[in-house]
Amino acid sequence: MMEELLVIPERLARIKEVLSRRQPDLRLFLERVVNYHNVSAILRTADAVGVLHVHYFHEGELPINDAITRGAHRWLILHREKEVASGLRLLKEAGFQLVGTGLFPETVDFREVDYTKPTVVIVGHELEGISETVRQEADLIVKIPMYGMVQSLNVSVATGVILYEAERQRRQKGLYDAPRLSPEEMEAIIKEWAYTRVIQEKARGRLRR
């Protein structure tokens, strides 16, 4: 595979280093998050804490602003879900606990969740929050304690708070200390990022000219 790669050695080393800390069993699910500032900030934080897979339900492609993500979205695997319920059920069948966010009678403090388990954190629409479908499918609904007049955080901020609690727990358990991806998974992603994507970007550049 090495002779096929189209990145300099330093870039390849960085890709391998990043992949060695990716957490394939810590995922995000964005349900109708529509503002590009929020989406882009969430993806940037996901990359920062080692998330690899982000699922989303959205009409059309995710609204991403490269100036906000600083390219972080390019190092995530994005999965567009056609339906919320079926997408969540498949993740649950794969062994993930589904952790929704919202203010309901059944909500618990977000720090009471064990994020070292395979986990999908689900965040919803900026104004409406998660849907009733998510509420029914989720194993847990969490909230972030607040003591001010306003009882909600911006969705990108709330997502960051939860993800860094997950990072803290996983770091304490040593889950960042050794690769979580198999050698075959690592090889496939490296080939995608360091060969296939480079070819595609060069082709797009020629078309723009």
N, C-alpha and C. Protein backbone atom coordinates (compact mmCIF):
# COMPACT_ATOMS: atom_id res chain seq x y z
N MET A 1 0.83 -1.20 0.00
CA MET A 1 0.00 0.00 0.00
C MET A 1 0.86 1.25 0.00
N MET A 2 2.06 1.19 0.60
CA MET A 2 2.84 2.39 0.82
C MET A 2 3.16 3.12 -0.47
N GLU A 3 3.48 2.37 -1.55
CA GLU A 3 3.84 3.04 -2.78
C GLU A 3 2.65 3.77 -3.42
N GLU A 4 1.42 3.48 -3.00
CA GLU A 4 0.25 4.11 -3.59
C GLU A 4 -0.08 5.46 -2.94
N LEU A 5 0.44 5.69 -1.75
CA LEU A 5 0.03 6.86 -1.00
C LEU A 5 0.62 8.13 -1.61
N LEU A 6 -0.19 9.20 -1.54
CA LEU A 6 0.17 10.44 -2.22
C LEU A 6 0.34 11.60 -1.25
N VAL A 7 0.82 11.33 -0.07
CA VAL A 7 1.11 12.37 0.91
C VAL A 7 2.56 12.25 1.35
N ILE A 8 3.11 13.35 1.84
CA ILE A 8 4.49 13.33 2.30
C ILE A 8 4.60 12.50 3.58
N PRO A 9 5.77 11.98 3.92
CA PRO A 9 5.93 11.11 5.09
C PRO A 9 5.45 11.76 6.39
N GLU A 10 5.67 13.05 6.55
CA GLU A 10 5.25 13.73 7.78
C GLU A 10 3.73 13.73 7.90
N ARG A 11 3.05 13.93 6.78
CA ARG A 11 1.59 13.89 6.78
C ARG A 11 1.08 12.50 7.09
N LEU A 12 1.70 11.51 6.52
CA LEU A 12 1.30 10.13 6.78
C LEU A 12 1.49 9.78 8.25
N ALA A 13 2.60 10.23 8.83
CA ALA A 13 2.85 9.95 10.24
C ALA A 13 1.78 10.60 11.12
N ARG A 14 1.37 11.80 10.75
CA ARG A 14 0.32 12.48 11.51
C ARG A 14 -1.00 11.75 11.40
N ILE A 15 -1.35 11.29 10.22
CA ILE A 15 -2.59 10.54 10.03
C ILE A 15 -2.57 9.28 10.89
N LYS A 16 -1.47 8.57 10.89
CA LYS A 16 -1.38 7.34 11.69
C LYS A 16 -1.49 7.64 13.18
N GLU A 17 -0.87 8.75 13.61
CA GLU A 17 -0.94 9.13 15.02
C GLU A 17 -2.37 9.44 15.42
N VAL A 18 -3.08 10.20 14.58
CA VAL A 18 -4.47 10.54 14.87
C VAL A 18 -5.34 9.28 14.92
N LEU A 19 -5.18 8.41 13.94
CA LEU A 19 -5.99 7.19 13.90
C LEU A 19 -5.71 6.28 15.10
N SER A 20 -4.51 6.33 15.62
CA SER A 20 -4.18 5.48 16.76
C SER A 20 -4.96 5.87 18.01
N ARG A 21 -5.53 7.09 18.01
CA ARG A 21 -6.30 7.56 19.18
C ARG A 21 -7.79 7.69 18.89
N ARG A 22 -8.20 7.39 17.68
CA ARG A 22 -9.62 7.48 17.36
C ARG A 22 -10.42 6.47 18.17
N GLN A 23 -11.64 6.88 18.53
CA GLN A 23 -12.54 6.07 19.36
C GLN A 23 -13.74 5.64 18.51
N PRO A 24 -13.63 4.53 17.81
CA PRO A 24 -14.72 4.13 16.91
C PRO A 24 -16.03 3.80 17.63
N ASP A 25 -15.96 3.57 18.94
CA ASP A 25 -17.18 3.23 19.68
C ASP A 25 -17.70 4.42 20.50
N LEU A 26 -17.24 5.62 20.17
CA LEU A 26 -17.84 6.85 20.70
C LEU A 26 -18.30 7.64 19.48
N ARG A 27 -19.62 7.73 19.31
CA ARG A 27 -20.16 8.32 18.09
C ARG A 27 -21.13 9.45 18.40
N LEU A 28 -21.36 10.25 17.38
CA LEU A 28 -22.35 11.32 17.46
C LEU A 28 -23.48 11.05 16.49
N PHE A 29 -24.67 11.50 16.87
CA PHE A 29 -25.82 11.46 15.96
C PHE A 29 -26.45 12.84 16.00
N LEU A 30 -26.42 13.53 14.87
CA LEU A 30 -27.01 14.86 14.76
C LEU A 30 -28.39 14.74 14.12
N GLU A 31 -29.42 15.07 14.90
CA GLU A 31 -30.78 15.00 14.38
C GLU A 31 -31.28 16.40 14.05
N ARG A 32 -31.28 16.73 12.77
CA ARG A 32 -31.81 18.00 12.28
C ARG A 32 -31.11 19.21 12.90
N VAL A 33 -29.81 19.12 13.12
CA VAL A 33 -29.05 20.32 13.50
C VAL A 33 -28.81 21.08 12.20
N VAL A 34 -29.35 22.28 12.10
CA VAL A 34 -29.44 22.94 10.79
C VAL A 34 -28.49 24.11 10.60
N ASN A 35 -28.04 24.74 11.68
CA ASN A 35 -27.20 25.92 11.55
C ASN A 35 -25.76 25.52 11.24
N TYR A 36 -25.18 26.11 10.21
CA TYR A 36 -23.85 25.68 9.80
C TYR A 36 -22.78 26.02 10.83
N HIS A 37 -22.98 27.10 11.60
CA HIS A 37 -22.04 27.40 12.69
C HIS A 37 -22.03 26.26 13.71
N ASN A 38 -23.23 25.80 14.08
CA ASN A 38 -23.33 24.73 15.07
C ASN A 38 -22.77 23.42 14.54
N VAL A 39 -23.19 23.04 13.34
CA VAL A 39 -22.70 21.79 12.76
C VAL A 39 -21.18 21.80 12.67
N SER A 40 -20.63 22.89 12.18
CA SER A 40 -19.19 22.97 11.97
C SER A 40 -18.43 22.93 13.29
N ALA A 41 -18.95 23.64 14.31
CA ALA A 41 -18.30 23.62 15.62
C ALA A 41 -18.37 22.23 16.24
N ILE A 42 -19.50 21.55 16.09
CA ILE A 42 -19.64 20.20 16.62
C ILE A 42 -18.63 19.26 15.97
N LEU A 43 -18.49 19.32 14.66
CA LEU A 43 -17.56 18.44 13.96
C LEU A 43 -16.12 18.72 14.38
N ARG A 44 -15.81 19.97 14.60
CA ARG A 44 -14.45 20.31 15.03
C ARG A 44 -14.16 19.73 16.41
N THR A 45 -15.14 19.81 17.31
CA THR A 45 -14.96 19.23 18.64
C THR A 45 -14.89 17.71 18.56
N ALA A 46 -15.70 17.11 17.71
CA ALA A 46 -15.67 15.65 17.55
C ALA A 46 -14.28 15.18 17.14
N ASP A 47 -13.68 15.85 16.19
CA ASP A 47 -12.33 15.52 15.77
C ASP A 47 -11.35 15.67 16.93
N ALA A 48 -11.53 16.73 17.72
CA ALA A 48 -10.60 17.03 18.81
C ALA A 48 -10.59 15.94 19.88
N VAL A 49 -11.74 15.33 20.17
CA VAL A 49 -11.81 14.31 21.22
C VAL A 49 -11.61 12.90 20.70
N GLY A 50 -11.38 12.76 19.40
CA GLY A 50 -11.09 11.43 18.86
C GLY A 50 -12.26 10.67 18.31
N VAL A 51 -13.40 11.34 18.13
CA VAL A 51 -14.53 10.69 17.46
C VAL A 51 -14.14 10.41 16.02
N LEU A 52 -14.60 9.29 15.49
CA LEU A 52 -14.34 8.94 14.09
C LEU A 52 -15.62 8.98 13.26
N HIS A 53 -16.72 8.46 13.83
CA HIS A 53 -17.97 8.31 13.09
C HIS A 53 -19.01 9.31 13.58
N VAL A 54 -19.60 10.06 12.65
CA VAL A 54 -20.69 10.97 12.95
C VAL A 54 -21.86 10.62 12.05
N HIS A 55 -22.99 10.32 12.66
CA HIS A 55 -24.22 10.02 11.93
C HIS A 55 -25.09 11.27 11.93
N TYR A 56 -25.87 11.46 10.88
CA TYR A 56 -26.73 12.63 10.85
C TYR A 56 -27.99 12.37 10.05
N PHE A 57 -29.05 13.04 10.50
CA PHE A 57 -30.32 13.05 9.77
C PHE A 57 -30.58 14.49 9.39
N HIS A 58 -30.56 14.76 8.09
CA HIS A 58 -30.66 16.13 7.60
C HIS A 58 -31.16 16.10 6.17
N GLU A 59 -31.97 17.08 5.83
CA GLU A 59 -32.41 17.18 4.44
C GLU A 59 -31.27 17.75 3.61
N GLY A 60 -30.70 16.93 2.75
CA GLY A 60 -29.53 17.35 2.00
C GLY A 60 -28.26 17.09 2.77
N GLU A 61 -27.17 17.64 2.26
CA GLU A 61 -25.89 17.45 2.91
C GLU A 61 -25.76 18.32 4.15
N LEU A 62 -24.88 17.93 5.05
CA LEU A 62 -24.65 18.73 6.24
C LEU A 62 -24.13 20.12 5.86
N PRO A 63 -24.63 21.16 6.51
CA PRO A 63 -24.13 22.52 6.23
C PRO A 63 -22.81 22.76 6.97
N ILE A 64 -21.71 22.63 6.26
CA ILE A 64 -20.38 22.72 6.86
C ILE A 64 -19.65 23.96 6.35
N ASN A 65 -19.05 24.69 7.26
CA ASN A 65 -18.23 25.84 6.91
C ASN A 65 -16.78 25.51 7.22
N ASP A 66 -15.97 25.41 6.17
CA ASP A 66 -14.58 24.99 6.35
C ASP A 66 -13.79 25.98 7.19
N ALA A 67 -14.17 27.25 7.15
CA ALA A 67 -13.47 28.24 7.96
C ALA A 67 -13.66 27.99 9.45
N ILE A 68 -14.79 27.37 9.81
CA ILE A 68 -15.07 27.06 11.21
C ILE A 68 -14.46 25.72 11.60
N THR A 69 -14.63 24.71 10.76
CA THR A 69 -14.09 23.39 11.10
C THR A 69 -12.58 23.35 10.99
N ARG A 70 -11.99 24.28 10.22
CA ARG A 70 -10.56 24.26 9.91
C ARG A 70 -10.16 22.93 9.29
N GLY A 71 -11.09 22.35 8.54
CA GLY A 71 -10.84 21.09 7.86
C GLY A 71 -11.05 19.85 8.71
N ALA A 72 -11.49 20.02 9.96
CA ALA A 72 -11.64 18.87 10.86
C ALA A 72 -12.62 17.84 10.31
N HIS A 73 -13.64 18.29 9.58
CA HIS A 73 -14.65 17.36 9.06
C HIS A 73 -14.06 16.38 8.05
N ARG A 74 -12.93 16.73 7.47
CA ARG A 74 -12.30 15.85 6.48
C ARG A 74 -11.70 14.61 7.13
N TRP A 75 -11.54 14.64 8.44
CA TRP A 75 -10.93 13.51 9.16
C TRP A 75 -11.97 12.76 9.98
N LEU A 76 -13.23 12.92 9.60
CA LEU A 76 -14.33 12.18 10.22
C LEU A 76 -15.02 11.36 9.13
N ILE A 77 -15.67 10.28 9.55
CA ILE A 77 -16.48 9.49 8.62
C ILE A 77 -17.94 9.85 8.88
N LEU A 78 -18.57 10.47 7.90
CA LEU A 78 -19.93 10.97 8.04
C LEU A 78 -20.92 9.98 7.43
N HIS A 79 -21.96 9.66 8.20
CA HIS A 79 -22.98 8.70 7.77
C HIS A 79 -24.33 9.41 7.70
N ARG A 80 -24.87 9.53 6.52
CA ARG A 80 -26.20 10.13 6.39
C ARG A 80 -27.26 9.06 6.61
N GLU A 81 -28.16 9.31 7.55
CA GLU A 81 -29.23 8.36 7.87
C GLU A 81 -30.52 8.79 7.17
N LYS A 82 -31.18 7.85 6.52
CA LYS A 82 -32.43 8.16 5.83
C LYS A 82 -33.59 8.32 6.80
N GLU A 83 -33.51 7.59 7.91
CA GLU A 83 -34.54 7.67 8.94
C GLU A 83 -33.87 7.68 10.31
N VAL A 84 -34.47 8.38 11.24
CA VAL A 84 -33.91 8.45 12.58
C VAL A 84 -34.06 7.12 13.31
N ALA A 85 -35.29 6.59 13.34
CA ALA A 85 -35.56 5.38 14.11
C ALA A 85 -34.73 4.20 13.63
N SER A 86 -34.71 3.96 12.33
CA SER A 86 -33.96 2.81 11.81
C SER A 86 -32.46 2.98 12.04
N GLY A 87 -31.97 4.21 11.89
CA GLY A 87 -30.55 4.45 12.12
C GLY A 87 -30.15 4.18 13.56
N LEU A 88 -30.98 4.63 14.49
CA LEU A 88 -30.68 4.41 15.91
C LEU A 88 -30.80 2.94 16.28
N ARG A 89 -31.79 2.26 15.72
CA ARG A 89 -31.97 0.84 16.05
C ARG A 89 -30.80 0.01 15.56
N LEU A 90 -30.26 0.34 14.40
CA LEU A 90 -29.09 -0.38 13.90
C LEU A 90 -27.89 -0.18 14.83
N LEU A 91 -27.74 1.03 15.32
CA LEU A 91 -26.64 1.30 16.25
C LEU A 91 -26.84 0.55 17.56
N LYS A 92 -28.09 0.51 18.02
CA LYS A 92 -28.37 -0.23 19.26
C LYS A 92 -28.11 -1.72 19.07
N GLU A 93 -28.50 -2.24 17.93
CA GLU A 93 -28.25 -3.66 17.63
C GLU A 93 -26.76 -3.97 17.54
N ALA A 94 -25.98 -2.96 17.19
CA ALA A 94 -24.53 -3.13 17.11
C ALA A 94 -23.87 -3.02 18.48
N GLY A 95 -24.66 -2.78 19.53
CA GLY A 95 -24.12 -2.78 20.88
C GLY A 95 -23.90 -1.42 21.51
N PHE A 96 -24.37 -0.36 20.86
CA PHE A 96 -24.19 0.99 21.40
C PHE A 96 -25.30 1.35 22.36
N GLN A 97 -24.95 2.06 23.44
CA GLN A 97 -25.97 2.71 24.26
C GLN A 97 -26.27 4.06 23.63
N LEU A 98 -27.55 4.41 23.60
CA LEU A 98 -27.99 5.65 22.96
C LEU A 98 -28.28 6.68 24.03
N VAL A 99 -27.53 7.78 24.00
CA VAL A 99 -27.64 8.82 25.01
C VAL A 99 -28.16 10.09 24.36
N GLY A 100 -29.43 10.40 24.61
CA GLY A 100 -30.02 11.61 24.08
C GLY A 100 -29.81 12.78 25.01
N THR A 101 -30.13 13.97 24.54
CA THR A 101 -29.98 15.18 25.34
C THR A 101 -31.30 15.93 25.37
N GLY A 102 -31.66 16.47 26.54
CA GLY A 102 -32.91 17.20 26.63
C GLY A 102 -33.35 17.40 28.06
N LEU A 103 -34.42 18.17 28.22
CA LEU A 103 -34.98 18.44 29.54
C LEU A 103 -36.32 17.74 29.66
N PHE A 104 -36.30 16.56 30.24
CA PHE A 104 -37.50 15.76 30.46
C PHE A 104 -37.47 15.22 31.88
N PRO A 105 -38.60 14.72 32.38
CA PRO A 105 -38.61 14.19 33.75
C PRO A 105 -37.60 13.06 33.97
N GLU A 106 -37.29 12.31 32.92
CA GLU A 106 -36.40 11.15 33.09
C GLU A 106 -34.92 11.49 32.91
N THR A 107 -34.60 12.77 32.70
CA THR A 107 -33.20 13.12 32.45
C THR A 107 -32.33 12.92 33.68
N VAL A 108 -31.05 12.59 33.41
CA VAL A 108 -30.07 12.42 34.48
C VAL A 108 -28.89 13.35 34.18
N ASP A 109 -28.09 13.63 35.19
CA ASP A 109 -26.89 14.44 35.02
C ASP A 109 -25.98 13.76 34.00
N PHE A 110 -25.45 14.53 33.06
CA PHE A 110 -24.65 13.94 31.99
C PHE A 110 -23.41 13.24 32.51
N ARG A 111 -22.96 13.58 33.73
CA ARG A 111 -21.77 12.95 34.30
C ARG A 111 -22.06 11.60 34.93
N GLU A 112 -23.33 11.22 35.00
CA GLU A 112 -23.68 9.92 35.59
C GLU A 112 -23.60 8.78 34.57
N VAL A 113 -23.35 9.09 33.33
CA VAL A 113 -23.29 8.09 32.27
C VAL A 113 -21.88 7.52 32.16
N ASP A 114 -21.79 6.23 31.91
CA ASP A 114 -20.50 5.59 31.65
C ASP A 114 -20.21 5.66 30.15
N TYR A 115 -19.39 6.63 29.77
CA TYR A 115 -19.09 6.82 28.35
C TYR A 115 -17.95 5.93 27.87
N THR A 116 -17.42 5.10 28.76
CA THR A 116 -16.42 4.14 28.30
C THR A 116 -17.08 2.95 27.60
N LYS A 117 -18.38 2.82 27.76
CA LYS A 117 -19.14 1.83 26.99
C LYS A 117 -19.31 2.34 25.56
N PRO A 118 -19.55 1.46 24.59
CA PRO A 118 -19.88 1.94 23.25
C PRO A 118 -21.09 2.87 23.32
N THR A 119 -20.92 4.09 22.89
CA THR A 119 -21.91 5.14 23.14
C THR A 119 -22.16 5.98 21.90
N VAL A 120 -23.43 6.31 21.68
CA VAL A 120 -23.81 7.30 20.68
C VAL A 120 -24.47 8.46 21.42
N VAL A 121 -23.90 9.65 21.29
CA VAL A 121 -24.47 10.86 21.87
C VAL A 121 -25.34 11.51 20.80
N ILE A 122 -26.61 11.73 21.13
CA ILE A 122 -27.58 12.26 20.15
C ILE A 122 -27.97 13.68 20.53
N VAL A 123 -27.79 14.60 19.59
CA VAL A 123 -28.19 15.99 19.83
C VAL A 123 -29.18 16.40 18.75
N GLY A 124 -30.07 17.32 19.12
CA GLY A 124 -31.18 17.64 18.23
C GLY A 124 -31.21 19.07 17.74
N HIS A 125 -32.30 19.39 17.11
CA HIS A 125 -32.54 20.70 16.48
C HIS A 125 -32.33 21.83 17.48
N GLU A 126 -31.80 22.95 16.99
CA GLU A 126 -31.44 24.08 17.85
C GLU A 126 -32.61 24.59 18.68
N LEU A 127 -33.81 24.62 18.13
CA LEU A 127 -34.95 25.14 18.86
C LEU A 127 -35.83 24.04 19.44
N GLU A 128 -36.02 22.97 18.71
CA GLU A 128 -36.95 21.93 19.11
C GLU A 128 -36.30 20.79 19.89
N GLY A 129 -34.99 20.69 19.84
CA GLY A 129 -34.31 19.61 20.53
C GLY A 129 -34.51 18.28 19.84
N ILE A 130 -34.33 17.19 20.58
CA ILE A 130 -34.50 15.86 20.00
C ILE A 130 -35.99 15.58 19.80
N SER A 131 -36.27 14.71 18.86
CA SER A 131 -37.66 14.35 18.57
C SER A 131 -38.17 13.32 19.57
N GLU A 132 -39.47 13.10 19.54
CA GLU A 132 -40.06 12.06 20.39
C GLU A 132 -39.52 10.69 19.99
N THR A 133 -39.20 10.51 18.73
CA THR A 133 -38.61 9.24 18.27
C THR A 133 -37.30 8.97 19.00
N VAL A 134 -36.44 9.97 19.07
CA VAL A 134 -35.17 9.80 19.78
C VAL A 134 -35.42 9.54 21.26
N ARG A 135 -36.35 10.28 21.83
CA ARG A 135 -36.65 10.09 23.25
C ARG A 135 -37.07 8.66 23.55
N GLN A 136 -37.86 8.07 22.65
CA GLN A 136 -38.32 6.70 22.86
C GLN A 136 -37.21 5.67 22.63
N GLU A 137 -36.34 5.94 21.68
CA GLU A 137 -35.29 4.98 21.34
C GLU A 137 -34.10 5.04 22.28
N ALA A 138 -33.87 6.20 22.89
CA ALA A 138 -32.68 6.39 23.71
C ALA A 138 -32.71 5.54 24.97
N ASP A 139 -31.55 5.08 25.38
CA ASP A 139 -31.42 4.35 26.64
C ASP A 139 -31.38 5.32 27.81
N LEU A 140 -30.82 6.49 27.58
CA LEU A 140 -30.72 7.52 28.61
C LEU A 140 -30.92 8.88 27.97
N ILE A 141 -31.49 9.80 28.74
CA ILE A 141 -31.55 11.20 28.35
C ILE A 141 -30.78 12.00 29.40
N VAL A 142 -29.85 12.81 28.95
CA VAL A 142 -29.01 13.54 29.90
C VAL A 142 -29.25 15.03 29.81
N LYS A 143 -28.89 15.71 30.90
CA LYS A 143 -28.96 17.17 30.95
C LYS A 143 -27.67 17.70 31.57
N ILE A 144 -27.38 18.95 31.28
CA ILE A 144 -26.23 19.64 31.87
C ILE A 144 -26.79 20.61 32.91
N PRO A 145 -26.40 20.48 34.17
CA PRO A 145 -26.94 21.37 35.20
C PRO A 145 -26.62 22.83 34.89
N MET A 146 -27.60 23.70 35.11
CA MET A 146 -27.44 25.14 34.87
C MET A 146 -28.10 25.91 36.00
N TYR A 147 -27.50 27.03 36.35
CA TYR A 147 -27.97 27.79 37.51
C TYR A 147 -28.32 29.24 37.14
N GLY A 148 -28.42 29.52 35.87
CA GLY A 148 -28.76 30.87 35.44
C GLY A 148 -30.22 30.99 35.06
N MET A 149 -30.56 32.14 34.53
CA MET A 149 -31.92 32.40 34.09
C MET A 149 -32.28 31.60 32.85
N VAL A 150 -31.30 31.41 31.98
CA VAL A 150 -31.52 30.64 30.75
C VAL A 150 -31.19 29.18 31.03
N GLN A 151 -32.11 28.29 30.70
CA GLN A 151 -31.95 26.88 31.04
C GLN A 151 -31.57 26.01 29.85
N SER A 152 -30.77 26.56 28.96
CA SER A 152 -30.28 25.75 27.85
C SER A 152 -28.99 26.34 27.34
N LEU A 153 -28.15 25.47 26.76
CA LEU A 153 -26.91 25.89 26.13
C LEU A 153 -27.04 25.77 24.62
N ASN A 154 -26.25 26.54 23.91
CA ASN A 154 -26.15 26.34 22.47
C ASN A 154 -25.79 24.89 22.21
N VAL A 155 -26.36 24.29 21.16
CA VAL A 155 -26.18 22.86 20.92
C VAL A 155 -24.72 22.49 20.71
N SER A 156 -23.94 23.34 20.10
CA SER A 156 -22.53 23.01 19.89
C SER A 156 -21.76 23.05 21.21
N VAL A 157 -22.12 23.99 22.08
CA VAL A 157 -21.48 24.06 23.39
C VAL A 157 -21.85 22.85 24.23
N ALA A 158 -23.14 22.51 24.26
CA ALA A 158 -23.60 21.36 25.02
C ALA A 158 -22.93 20.07 24.54
N THR A 159 -22.82 19.92 23.24
CA THR A 159 -22.16 18.73 22.69
C THR A 159 -20.71 18.67 23.14
N GLY A 160 -20.03 19.82 23.13
CA GLY A 160 -18.64 19.85 23.56
C GLY A 160 -18.48 19.46 25.02
N VAL A 161 -19.38 19.95 25.87
CA VAL A 161 -19.32 19.62 27.30
C VAL A 161 -19.44 18.11 27.50
N ILE A 162 -20.40 17.50 26.82
CA ILE A 162 -20.63 16.05 26.97
C ILE A 162 -19.46 15.26 26.40
N LEU A 163 -18.98 15.66 25.23
CA LEU A 163 -17.88 14.92 24.61
C LEU A 163 -16.62 14.97 25.46
N TYR A 164 -16.37 16.09 26.12
CA TYR A 164 -15.16 16.16 26.94
C TYR A 164 -15.31 15.41 28.25
N GLU A 165 -16.54 15.21 28.72
CA GLU A 165 -16.73 14.29 29.84
C GLU A 165 -16.44 12.87 29.38
N ALA A 166 -16.88 12.53 28.17
CA ALA A 166 -16.57 11.21 27.62
C ALA A 166 -15.06 11.04 27.44
N GLU A 167 -14.40 12.08 26.95
CA GLU A 167 -12.94 12.03 26.79
C GLU A 167 -12.26 11.82 28.13
N ARG A 168 -12.70 12.52 29.16
CA ARG A 168 -12.10 12.39 30.49
C ARG A 168 -12.20 10.96 31.00
N GLN A 169 -13.40 10.38 30.90
CA GLN A 169 -13.59 9.01 31.37
C GLN A 169 -12.74 8.02 30.58
N ARG A 170 -12.73 8.19 29.27
CA ARG A 170 -11.98 7.27 28.42
C ARG A 170 -10.48 7.41 28.62
N ARG A 171 -10.02 8.63 28.81
CA ARG A 171 -8.59 8.84 29.05
C ARG A 171 -8.19 8.19 30.38
N GLN A 172 -9.01 8.35 31.40
CA GLN A 172 -8.69 7.75 32.71
C GLN A 172 -8.64 6.23 32.63
N LYS A 173 -9.44 5.67 31.75
CA LYS A 173 -9.46 4.22 31.58
C LYS A 173 -8.39 3.72 30.61
N GLY A 174 -7.65 4.63 30.01
CA GLY A 174 -6.57 4.24 29.11
C GLY A 174 -7.00 3.91 27.70
N LEU A 175 -8.19 4.36 27.30
CA LEU A 175 -8.70 4.00 25.98
C LEU A 175 -8.04 4.77 24.84
N TYR A 176 -7.25 5.78 25.18
CA TYR A 176 -6.50 6.50 24.15
C TYR A 176 -5.06 6.00 24.03
N ASP A 177 -4.70 5.05 24.87
CA ASP A 177 -3.30 4.64 24.95
C ASP A 177 -2.89 3.63 23.89
N ALA A 178 -3.85 2.94 23.30
CA ALA A 178 -3.55 1.94 22.28
C ALA A 178 -4.60 2.05 21.18
N PRO A 179 -4.24 1.71 19.94
CA PRO A 179 -5.21 1.83 18.84
C PRO A 179 -6.46 1.02 19.10
N ARG A 180 -7.62 1.60 18.80
CA ARG A 180 -8.90 0.93 18.93
C ARG A 180 -9.37 0.36 17.60
N LEU A 181 -8.72 0.77 16.52
CA LEU A 181 -9.04 0.27 15.19
C LEU A 181 -8.17 -0.94 14.87
N SER A 182 -8.72 -1.89 14.13
CA SER A 182 -7.92 -3.04 13.70
C SER A 182 -6.92 -2.59 12.64
N PRO A 183 -5.85 -3.36 12.43
CA PRO A 183 -4.90 -3.01 11.36
C PRO A 183 -5.58 -2.88 10.00
N GLU A 184 -6.58 -3.73 9.74
CA GLU A 184 -7.29 -3.67 8.46
C GLU A 184 -8.09 -2.38 8.34
N GLU A 185 -8.74 -1.97 9.43
CA GLU A 185 -9.49 -0.71 9.42
C GLU A 185 -8.55 0.48 9.23
N MET A 186 -7.43 0.44 9.94
CA MET A 186 -6.43 1.52 9.80
C MET A 186 -5.96 1.63 8.36
N GLU A 187 -5.65 0.49 7.76
CA GLU A 187 -5.14 0.50 6.39
C GLU A 187 -6.16 1.06 5.42
N ALA A 188 -7.42 0.66 5.59
CA ALA A 188 -8.47 1.13 4.68
C ALA A 188 -8.67 2.64 4.80
N ILE A 189 -8.66 3.17 6.03
CA ILE A 189 -8.85 4.60 6.22
C ILE A 189 -7.66 5.39 5.70
N ILE A 190 -6.46 4.89 5.95
CA ILE A 190 -5.26 5.56 5.45
C ILE A 190 -5.29 5.63 3.93
N LYS A 191 -5.69 4.55 3.28
CA LYS A 191 -5.76 4.56 1.82
C LYS A 191 -6.79 5.57 1.34
N GLU A 192 -7.92 5.68 2.04
CA GLU A 192 -8.95 6.65 1.67
C GLU A 192 -8.43 8.08 1.84
N TRP A 193 -7.80 8.36 2.96
CA TRP A 193 -7.37 9.72 3.27
C TRP A 193 -6.11 10.15 2.52
N ALA A 194 -5.22 9.20 2.29
CA ALA A 194 -3.91 9.55 1.74
C ALA A 194 -3.74 9.17 0.27
N TYR A 195 -4.77 8.59 -0.32
CA TYR A 195 -4.68 8.26 -1.74
C TYR A 195 -5.96 8.67 -2.48
N THR A 196 -7.07 8.01 -2.15
CA THR A 196 -8.32 8.26 -2.87
C THR A 196 -8.74 9.73 -2.79
N ARG A 197 -8.69 10.29 -1.59
CA ARG A 197 -9.11 11.68 -1.42
C ARG A 197 -8.19 12.64 -2.18
N VAL A 198 -6.90 12.35 -2.18
CA VAL A 198 -5.96 13.22 -2.89
C VAL A 198 -6.28 13.24 -4.38
N ILE A 199 -6.56 12.06 -4.94
CA ILE A 199 -6.93 11.96 -6.36
C ILE A 199 -8.20 12.76 -6.62
N GLN A 200 -9.21 12.62 -5.75
CA GLN A 200 -10.48 13.32 -5.93
C GLN A 200 -10.29 14.83 -5.86
N GLU A 201 -9.48 15.29 -4.92
CA GLU A 201 -9.28 16.73 -4.78
C GLU A 201 -8.52 17.31 -5.95
N LYS A 202 -7.57 16.56 -6.48
CA LYS A 202 -6.85 17.02 -7.67
C LYS A 202 -7.79 17.10 -8.87
N ALA A 203 -8.71 16.11 -8.98
CA ALA A 203 -9.66 16.12 -10.09
C ALA A 203 -10.61 17.31 -9.98
N ARG A 204 -11.07 17.62 -8.76
CA ARG A 204 -11.96 18.77 -8.57
C ARG A 204 -11.23 20.07 -8.89
N GLY A 205 -9.95 20.13 -8.54
CA GLY A 205 -9.17 21.30 -8.85
C GLY A 205 -9.02 21.53 -10.34
N ARG A 206 -8.86 20.46 -11.11
CA ARG A 206 -8.76 20.57 -12.56
C ARG A 206 -10.08 21.02 -13.16
N LEU A 207 -11.20 20.52 -12.59
CA LEU A 207 -12.50 20.90 -13.11
C LEU A 207 -12.78 22.38 -12.86
N ARG A 208 -12.37 22.88 -11.69
CA ARG A 208 -12.60 24.30 -11.37
C ARG A 208 -11.82 25.21 -12.32
N ARG A 209 -10.64 24.75 -12.76
CA ARG A 209 -9.86 25.56 -13.69
C ARG A 209 -10.47 25.55 -15.08
